[in-house]
Protein backbone atom coordinates (compact mmCIF):
# COMPACT_ATOMS: atom_id res chain seq x y z
CA UNK A 1 -11.00 8.57 20.87
CA UNK A 2 -14.72 8.16 20.55
CA UNK A 3 -16.34 5.48 22.66
CA UNK A 4 -13.88 5.41 25.55
CA UNK A 5 -15.51 4.92 28.95
CA UNK A 6 -13.50 6.19 31.90
CA UNK A 7 -14.43 5.74 35.56
CA UNK A 8 -11.59 7.36 37.50
CA UNK A 9 -9.65 10.10 35.81
CA UNK A 10 -6.66 11.90 37.22
CA UNK A 11 -6.22 15.59 36.36
CA UNK A 12 -3.26 14.65 34.14
CA UNK A 13 -5.31 12.07 32.28
CA UNK A 14 -8.17 14.55 31.85
CA UNK A 15 -5.73 17.05 30.35
CA UNK A 16 -4.34 14.42 27.99
CA UNK A 17 -7.84 13.43 26.89
CA UNK A 18 -8.75 17.07 26.22
CA UNK A 19 -5.55 17.50 24.23
CA UNK A 20 -6.25 14.35 22.19
CA UNK A 21 -9.79 15.52 21.50
CA UNK A 22 -8.30 18.79 20.25
CA UNK A 23 -5.96 16.81 17.98
CA UNK A 24 -8.91 14.90 16.58
CA UNK A 25 -10.91 18.08 16.07
CA UNK A 26 -8.07 19.86 14.32
CA UNK A 27 -7.53 16.84 12.07
CA UNK A 28 -11.25 16.75 11.22
CA UNK A 29 -10.99 20.40 10.18
CA UNK A 30 -7.83 19.80 8.14
CA UNK A 31 -5.76 21.91 10.55
CA UNK A 32 -2.86 19.48 10.67
CA UNK A 33 -0.20 21.89 11.88
CA UNK A 34 -2.32 22.72 14.94
CA UNK A 35 -3.02 19.02 15.48
CA UNK A 36 0.70 18.27 15.37
CA UNK A 37 1.37 21.01 17.90
CA UNK A 38 -1.16 19.48 20.29
CA UNK A 39 0.39 16.04 19.78
CA UNK A 40 3.75 17.39 20.91
CA UNK A 41 2.23 18.05 24.32
CA UNK A 42 0.83 14.53 24.77
CA UNK A 43 2.59 12.25 27.25
CA UNK A 44 4.50 9.63 25.19
CA UNK A 45 2.81 6.85 27.18
CA UNK A 46 -0.47 7.74 25.47
CA UNK A 47 1.10 7.42 22.03
CA UNK A 48 1.55 3.67 22.54
CA UNK A 49 -2.22 3.15 22.43
CA UNK A 50 -3.44 1.86 19.07
CA UNK A 51 -6.17 4.50 18.67
CA UNK A 52 -3.76 7.30 19.44
CA UNK A 53 -1.13 5.88 17.09
CA UNK A 54 -3.74 5.87 14.30
CA UNK A 55 -4.63 9.48 15.10
CA UNK A 56 -0.95 10.40 15.04
CA UNK A 57 -0.51 8.74 11.64
CA UNK A 58 -3.55 10.61 10.35
CA UNK A 59 -1.98 13.90 11.40
CA UNK A 60 1.37 13.02 9.84
CA UNK A 61 -0.35 12.02 6.59
CA UNK A 62 -2.22 15.32 6.59
CA UNK A 63 0.99 17.25 7.14
CA UNK A 64 2.56 15.49 4.16
CA UNK A 65 -0.38 16.56 1.98
CA UNK A 66 0.10 20.18 3.08
CA UNK A 67 3.75 20.26 2.03
């Protein structure tokens, strides 16, 4: 997520970016259940991006450690 430059952002894209930043923040804090909940609200089109897929895998790995 860090280092993305965006020129024109739709309200939907802005919401998705905020949600993904929340996912990243929760993951940084070890709050993987909250991160997973935020991921559920992300448009599936975003999940095809490599950076987002890595973030998603990080959350899933964290959830597996919590179990």
